[in-house]
N, C-alpha and C. Protein backbone atom coordinates (compact mmCIF):
# COMPACT_ATOMS: atom_id res chain seq x y z
N MET A 1 22.85 -59.79 -15.92
CA MET A 1 22.38 -59.44 -16.85
C MET A 1 21.48 -59.98 -17.99
N GLU A 2 20.82 -59.20 -18.51
CA GLU A 2 19.65 -60.00 -19.13
C GLU A 2 19.97 -59.30 -20.75
N ILE A 3 19.98 -60.38 -21.83
CA ILE A 3 20.32 -59.97 -22.92
C ILE A 3 18.89 -60.10 -23.89
N SER A 4 18.17 -58.71 -24.36
CA SER A 4 17.51 -58.77 -24.96
C SER A 4 17.09 -59.54 -26.66
N VAL A 5 15.72 -59.33 -27.01
CA VAL A 5 15.98 -59.92 -28.44
C VAL A 5 16.42 -58.92 -29.53
N GLY A 6 16.92 -59.11 -30.23
CA GLY A 6 17.81 -58.54 -31.22
C GLY A 6 19.15 -57.59 -30.61
N GLN A 7 19.35 -57.81 -29.67
CA GLN A 7 20.91 -57.48 -28.93
C GLN A 7 21.74 -58.43 -29.27
N THR A 8 23.11 -57.61 -29.44
CA THR A 8 24.40 -58.60 -29.51
C THR A 8 24.93 -59.11 -28.55
N ILE A 9 24.94 -60.36 -29.00
CA ILE A 9 25.95 -61.65 -27.70
C ILE A 9 27.15 -61.37 -28.05
N PRO A 10 27.59 -61.09 -27.00
CA PRO A 10 29.40 -61.12 -27.02
C PRO A 10 29.85 -62.50 -27.44
N ASN A 11 30.58 -62.49 -28.29
CA ASN A 11 31.22 -63.73 -28.81
C ASN A 11 32.29 -64.35 -27.45
N ALA A 12 32.02 -65.68 -27.73
CA ALA A 12 33.47 -66.20 -26.77
C ALA A 12 33.20 -67.89 -26.96
N THR A 13 34.64 -68.30 -26.62
CA THR A 13 35.01 -69.56 -27.07
C THR A 13 34.44 -70.20 -25.96
N LEU A 14 33.63 -71.40 -26.12
CA LEU A 14 32.97 -72.51 -25.18
C LEU A 14 33.63 -73.95 -25.73
N SER A 15 33.40 -74.39 -24.60
CA SER A 15 33.62 -76.06 -25.11
C SER A 15 32.42 -77.02 -25.11
N TYR A 16 32.78 -78.28 -25.51
CA TYR A 16 31.96 -79.44 -25.18
C TYR A 16 32.44 -80.75 -25.49
N PHE A 17 32.11 -81.68 -24.98
CA PHE A 17 32.36 -83.12 -25.25
C PHE A 17 31.61 -83.60 -26.27
N GLY A 18 32.09 -83.99 -27.30
CA GLY A 18 31.07 -85.01 -28.50
C GLY A 18 31.81 -85.94 -28.70
N SER A 19 31.41 -87.03 -29.44
CA SER A 19 32.33 -88.10 -29.82
C SER A 19 33.82 -88.21 -30.39
N ASP A 20 34.38 -87.15 -30.91
CA ASP A 20 35.57 -86.48 -31.04
C ASP A 20 36.41 -86.20 -29.98
N GLY A 21 35.85 -85.94 -28.27
CA GLY A 21 36.36 -85.69 -27.22
C GLY A 21 36.00 -84.06 -27.05
N VAL A 22 36.29 -83.36 -26.77
CA VAL A 22 36.71 -81.95 -26.11
C VAL A 22 36.74 -81.24 -27.64
N SER A 23 35.87 -80.58 -28.28
CA SER A 23 36.06 -79.07 -28.88
C SER A 23 35.69 -78.10 -28.54
N HIS A 24 36.07 -77.09 -29.31
CA HIS A 24 35.70 -75.56 -28.99
C HIS A 24 34.85 -75.50 -29.92
N ILE A 25 34.09 -73.98 -30.14
CA ILE A 25 33.15 -73.47 -30.74
C ILE A 25 32.76 -72.24 -30.46
N GLU A 26 33.15 -71.11 -31.38
CA GLU A 26 32.80 -69.74 -31.08
C GLU A 26 30.90 -69.66 -30.93
N LEU A 27 30.99 -68.84 -29.97
CA LEU A 27 29.40 -68.84 -29.10
C LEU A 27 28.79 -68.06 -30.98
N ASN A 28 29.75 -67.30 -31.80
CA ASN A 28 29.02 -66.74 -32.94
C ASN A 28 28.31 -67.74 -33.89
N ASP A 29 29.14 -68.70 -33.77
CA ASP A 29 29.48 -69.87 -35.32
C ASP A 29 27.88 -70.83 -34.45
N LEU A 30 28.01 -70.98 -33.41
CA LEU A 30 27.02 -71.99 -32.47
C LEU A 30 25.52 -70.91 -32.95
N LEU A 31 25.55 -69.67 -33.00
CA LEU A 31 24.21 -69.13 -33.06
C LEU A 31 23.72 -68.86 -34.26
N LYS A 32 24.64 -68.75 -35.00
CA LYS A 32 24.57 -68.27 -37.01
C LYS A 32 23.41 -68.77 -37.11
N ASP A 33 22.77 -67.94 -37.96
CA ASP A 33 21.25 -67.94 -38.57
C ASP A 33 20.15 -69.21 -38.03
N LYS A 34 20.59 -69.12 -36.91
CA LYS A 34 19.64 -69.84 -35.72
C LYS A 34 18.38 -68.90 -34.75
N LYS A 35 17.72 -69.46 -34.03
CA LYS A 35 16.74 -68.75 -33.19
C LYS A 35 17.35 -69.83 -31.94
N VAL A 36 17.79 -69.31 -31.03
CA VAL A 36 17.89 -69.94 -29.63
C VAL A 36 17.78 -69.42 -28.52
N VAL A 37 17.75 -70.41 -27.65
CA VAL A 37 17.04 -69.60 -26.24
C VAL A 37 18.86 -70.19 -25.37
N ILE A 38 19.19 -69.50 -24.84
CA ILE A 38 20.39 -69.28 -23.86
C ILE A 38 19.92 -69.46 -22.45
N PHE A 39 20.67 -70.17 -21.62
CA PHE A 39 20.25 -70.11 -20.14
C PHE A 39 21.88 -70.15 -19.59
N ALA A 40 22.17 -70.10 -18.82
CA ALA A 40 23.27 -70.03 -17.77
C ALA A 40 23.18 -70.51 -16.38
N LEU A 41 23.70 -71.45 -15.56
CA LEU A 41 23.40 -71.89 -14.87
C LEU A 41 25.00 -71.51 -14.04
N PRO A 42 24.74 -71.57 -12.15
CA PRO A 42 26.70 -71.25 -11.70
C PRO A 42 27.05 -72.73 -11.63
N GLY A 43 26.55 -73.83 -11.95
CA GLY A 43 27.41 -74.90 -11.69
C GLY A 43 26.45 -76.42 -12.06
N ALA A 44 27.42 -77.27 -12.62
CA ALA A 44 26.35 -78.52 -12.29
C ALA A 44 26.97 -79.21 -11.16
N PHE A 45 25.28 -80.31 -11.40
CA PHE A 45 25.67 -80.83 -10.14
C PHE A 45 25.40 -80.11 -8.68
N THR A 46 25.07 -78.64 -8.82
CA THR A 46 24.64 -78.08 -7.44
C THR A 46 23.12 -78.93 -7.21
N ASN A 47 22.81 -78.36 -6.00
CA ASN A 47 21.58 -78.66 -5.83
C ASN A 47 20.32 -78.24 -6.26
N THR A 48 20.18 -76.81 -6.16
CA THR A 48 19.13 -76.26 -7.24
C THR A 48 18.73 -76.27 -8.66
N CYS A 49 20.36 -76.21 -9.29
CA CYS A 49 20.17 -76.21 -10.68
C CYS A 49 19.97 -77.59 -10.99
N SER A 50 20.29 -78.65 -10.35
CA SER A 50 20.00 -79.93 -10.90
C SER A 50 18.57 -80.43 -10.22
N SER A 51 18.01 -79.87 -9.69
CA SER A 51 16.72 -80.00 -9.04
C SER A 51 15.58 -79.42 -9.59
N LYS A 52 16.29 -78.02 -9.84
CA LYS A 52 14.98 -77.29 -10.54
C LYS A 52 14.85 -76.96 -11.93
N HIS A 53 16.55 -76.04 -11.72
CA HIS A 53 16.58 -75.41 -13.20
C HIS A 53 16.59 -76.05 -14.63
N LEU A 54 17.98 -76.85 -14.53
CA LEU A 54 17.93 -77.96 -15.70
C LEU A 54 16.45 -78.73 -16.00
N PRO A 55 15.95 -79.16 -15.03
CA PRO A 55 15.03 -80.34 -15.30
C PRO A 55 13.92 -79.28 -15.95
N GLY A 56 13.66 -78.31 -15.46
CA GLY A 56 12.38 -77.35 -16.07
C GLY A 56 13.00 -77.39 -17.74
N PHE A 57 13.99 -76.79 -18.06
CA PHE A 57 14.35 -76.70 -19.24
C PHE A 57 14.00 -78.02 -19.85
N ILE A 58 14.24 -79.07 -19.49
CA ILE A 58 14.14 -80.49 -20.10
C ILE A 58 12.60 -80.52 -20.51
N GLU A 59 11.82 -80.43 -19.50
CA GLU A 59 10.57 -80.64 -19.40
C GLU A 59 9.81 -79.78 -20.28
N LYS A 60 10.25 -78.49 -20.68
CA LYS A 60 9.58 -77.69 -21.09
C LYS A 60 10.17 -77.49 -22.97
N SER A 61 11.24 -78.19 -23.08
CA SER A 61 12.32 -78.19 -24.38
C SER A 61 10.93 -78.43 -25.14
N SER A 62 10.62 -79.45 -25.66
CA SER A 62 9.38 -79.17 -26.56
C SER A 62 8.38 -78.05 -27.05
N LEU A 63 8.16 -77.73 -25.70
CA LEU A 63 6.97 -76.27 -25.71
C LEU A 63 8.18 -75.32 -26.33
N ILE A 64 9.32 -75.26 -26.06
CA ILE A 64 9.92 -73.41 -26.54
C ILE A 64 10.20 -74.14 -28.07
N LYS A 65 10.83 -75.39 -28.16
CA LYS A 65 10.91 -75.44 -29.85
C LYS A 65 9.58 -75.63 -30.76
N LYS A 66 8.91 -75.49 -29.94
CA LYS A 66 7.04 -75.55 -30.73
C LYS A 66 7.50 -73.90 -31.09
N GLU A 67 8.22 -73.15 -30.31
CA GLU A 67 7.98 -71.41 -31.01
C GLU A 67 9.21 -71.25 -31.84
N GLY A 68 9.57 -72.35 -32.48
CA GLY A 68 10.79 -71.80 -33.74
C GLY A 68 11.95 -71.79 -33.31
N VAL A 69 12.36 -72.11 -32.04
CA VAL A 69 13.38 -72.41 -31.65
C VAL A 69 14.26 -73.56 -31.73
N ASP A 70 15.52 -73.27 -32.61
CA ASP A 70 16.40 -74.30 -33.11
C ASP A 70 17.12 -74.94 -31.80
N ASP A 71 17.73 -74.33 -31.15
CA ASP A 71 18.49 -74.88 -30.28
C ASP A 71 18.59 -74.06 -28.65
N ILE A 72 18.37 -75.23 -27.88
CA ILE A 72 18.48 -74.56 -26.19
C ILE A 72 19.91 -74.70 -25.76
N ILE A 73 20.53 -73.38 -25.24
CA ILE A 73 21.59 -73.93 -24.75
C ILE A 73 21.83 -73.59 -23.10
N CYS A 74 22.56 -74.66 -22.49
CA CYS A 74 22.92 -74.38 -21.34
C CYS A 74 24.50 -74.26 -21.17
N ILE A 75 24.80 -72.90 -20.46
CA ILE A 75 26.30 -72.50 -20.18
C ILE A 75 26.92 -72.84 -18.68
N SER A 76 27.26 -73.19 -18.55
CA SER A 76 28.20 -73.22 -16.73
C SER A 76 29.19 -73.00 -17.06
N VAL A 77 29.76 -72.51 -15.77
CA VAL A 77 31.50 -72.37 -15.84
C VAL A 77 32.34 -73.55 -15.48
N ASN A 78 31.75 -75.08 -15.72
CA ASN A 78 32.26 -76.51 -15.18
C ASN A 78 33.00 -76.71 -16.79
N ASP A 79 34.04 -77.54 -16.19
CA ASP A 79 34.77 -78.35 -17.80
C ASP A 79 33.72 -78.82 -18.76
N PRO A 80 34.24 -78.85 -19.88
CA PRO A 80 33.12 -79.89 -20.74
C PRO A 80 33.10 -81.12 -20.16
N PHE A 81 34.08 -81.92 -19.69
CA PHE A 81 33.63 -83.10 -19.28
C PHE A 81 32.39 -83.53 -18.17
N VAL A 82 32.53 -82.31 -17.29
CA VAL A 82 31.72 -82.48 -16.34
C VAL A 82 30.13 -82.14 -17.16
N MET A 83 30.05 -81.11 -17.65
CA MET A 83 28.75 -80.81 -18.81
C MET A 83 28.10 -81.80 -19.32
N ASP A 84 28.90 -82.49 -19.62
CA ASP A 84 28.63 -83.63 -20.72
C ASP A 84 28.22 -84.74 -19.44
N ALA A 85 28.62 -85.27 -18.11
CA ALA A 85 28.42 -86.27 -17.30
C ALA A 85 27.14 -85.16 -16.59
N TRP A 86 26.78 -84.02 -16.46
CA TRP A 86 25.78 -83.88 -15.92
C TRP A 86 24.84 -83.89 -16.89
N GLY A 87 24.74 -83.81 -17.98
CA GLY A 87 23.68 -83.56 -19.13
C GLY A 87 23.48 -85.33 -19.35
N LYS A 88 24.24 -86.03 -19.01
CA LYS A 88 23.92 -87.49 -18.98
C LYS A 88 23.18 -87.58 -17.86
N SER A 89 23.75 -87.36 -16.59
CA SER A 89 22.58 -88.17 -15.40
C SER A 89 21.61 -86.99 -15.44
N GLN A 90 21.05 -86.11 -16.22
CA GLN A 90 19.89 -85.67 -16.07
C GLN A 90 18.97 -86.26 -17.14
N ASN A 91 19.52 -86.88 -18.45
CA ASN A 91 19.02 -87.50 -19.62
C ASN A 91 18.48 -86.48 -20.15
N VAL A 92 19.85 -85.50 -20.53
CA VAL A 92 19.15 -84.20 -21.52
C VAL A 92 19.11 -84.63 -23.20
N THR A 93 19.71 -85.88 -23.07
CA THR A 93 19.76 -86.48 -24.60
C THR A 93 20.05 -85.09 -25.94
N ASP A 94 19.18 -85.12 -26.43
CA ASP A 94 19.32 -83.94 -27.68
C ASP A 94 18.45 -82.81 -27.10
N LYS A 95 17.81 -82.53 -25.84
CA LYS A 95 16.94 -81.30 -25.92
C LYS A 95 17.70 -80.46 -25.65
N ILE A 96 18.92 -80.51 -25.30
CA ILE A 96 19.42 -79.03 -24.70
C ILE A 96 21.02 -79.09 -25.10
N VAL A 97 21.65 -78.72 -25.42
CA VAL A 97 23.10 -78.31 -25.82
C VAL A 97 23.96 -77.81 -24.65
N MET A 98 24.64 -78.77 -24.51
CA MET A 98 25.57 -78.41 -22.77
C MET A 98 27.16 -78.13 -23.24
N MET A 99 26.86 -76.57 -23.09
CA MET A 99 28.18 -76.04 -23.50
C MET A 99 29.13 -75.51 -22.11
N ALA A 100 30.65 -75.50 -21.82
CA ALA A 100 31.28 -75.22 -20.67
C ALA A 100 31.90 -74.29 -21.14
N ASP A 101 31.73 -73.45 -20.07
CA ASP A 101 32.61 -71.87 -20.31
C ASP A 101 33.79 -71.68 -19.04
N PRO A 102 34.50 -73.12 -19.14
CA PRO A 102 35.51 -72.86 -18.24
C PRO A 102 36.71 -71.94 -17.74
N PHE A 103 36.98 -71.20 -18.75
CA PHE A 103 37.40 -69.85 -18.42
C PHE A 103 36.71 -68.38 -18.35
N LEU A 104 35.63 -68.62 -18.05
CA LEU A 104 34.55 -67.84 -18.07
C LEU A 104 34.58 -66.62 -18.98
N SER A 105 35.00 -66.91 -20.06
CA SER A 105 34.95 -66.07 -21.22
C SER A 105 33.43 -65.37 -21.44
N PHE A 106 32.94 -66.28 -21.76
CA PHE A 106 31.30 -65.83 -22.19
C PHE A 106 30.45 -64.88 -20.31
N THR A 107 30.75 -65.62 -19.43
CA THR A 107 30.57 -65.29 -18.16
C THR A 107 30.64 -63.88 -18.18
N LYS A 108 32.14 -63.45 -18.20
CA LYS A 108 32.63 -62.26 -18.16
C LYS A 108 32.22 -61.35 -18.76
N SER A 109 32.08 -62.04 -20.22
CA SER A 109 31.69 -60.68 -21.22
C SER A 109 30.37 -60.25 -20.90
N ILE A 110 29.46 -61.20 -20.25
CA ILE A 110 28.04 -60.24 -20.00
C ILE A 110 27.88 -60.12 -18.64
N GLY A 111 28.87 -59.70 -18.00
CA GLY A 111 28.91 -59.20 -16.43
C GLY A 111 28.39 -60.06 -15.46
N ALA A 112 28.47 -61.43 -15.23
CA ALA A 112 28.09 -62.38 -14.92
C ALA A 112 28.65 -62.94 -13.93
N ASP A 113 29.93 -63.17 -13.71
CA ASP A 113 31.03 -63.48 -12.51
C ASP A 113 30.78 -62.92 -11.54
N VAL A 114 30.94 -64.07 -10.74
CA VAL A 114 30.83 -63.50 -9.36
C VAL A 114 31.86 -64.30 -8.06
N ASP A 115 32.40 -63.57 -7.60
CA ASP A 115 33.53 -64.10 -6.53
C ASP A 115 32.78 -64.62 -5.12
N LYS A 116 33.06 -66.08 -4.89
CA LYS A 116 32.51 -66.75 -4.21
C LYS A 116 33.30 -67.26 -3.34
N SER A 117 35.26 -66.74 -3.32
CA SER A 117 35.81 -67.35 -2.83
C SER A 117 35.68 -67.11 -1.29
N ALA A 118 35.08 -66.44 -0.42
CA ALA A 118 34.96 -66.18 0.97
C ALA A 118 34.15 -67.33 1.37
N ARG A 119 33.20 -67.67 0.28
CA ARG A 119 32.61 -68.85 0.82
C ARG A 119 33.14 -70.21 0.71
N GLY A 120 34.17 -70.20 0.38
CA GLY A 120 35.27 -71.61 0.05
C GLY A 120 34.52 -72.22 -1.00
């Protein structure tokens, strides 16, 4: 599903690992009064996501932010510990906000959940 400019994004509870441990935040609160780019990836540490998808956003983050974007948010269906470790391994620093959607609340709300159980 593609969400267009001006379209309302469904609210969801996301998680992240910060200096105080695991925290939760409502997506609407994260977006309030900001211009953001959100991208979602199937999984942390997967081959293509780690070699092409996330690095592309990291490399282009300064160009994206020059367009008036306040935050670039990466959402994946991993837990907050994994998202934190993945961000550190990719040297994300403050370029990308790494958010976890471990219960698929956001993913399901936009119709992006996929059952891959047949593939193991």
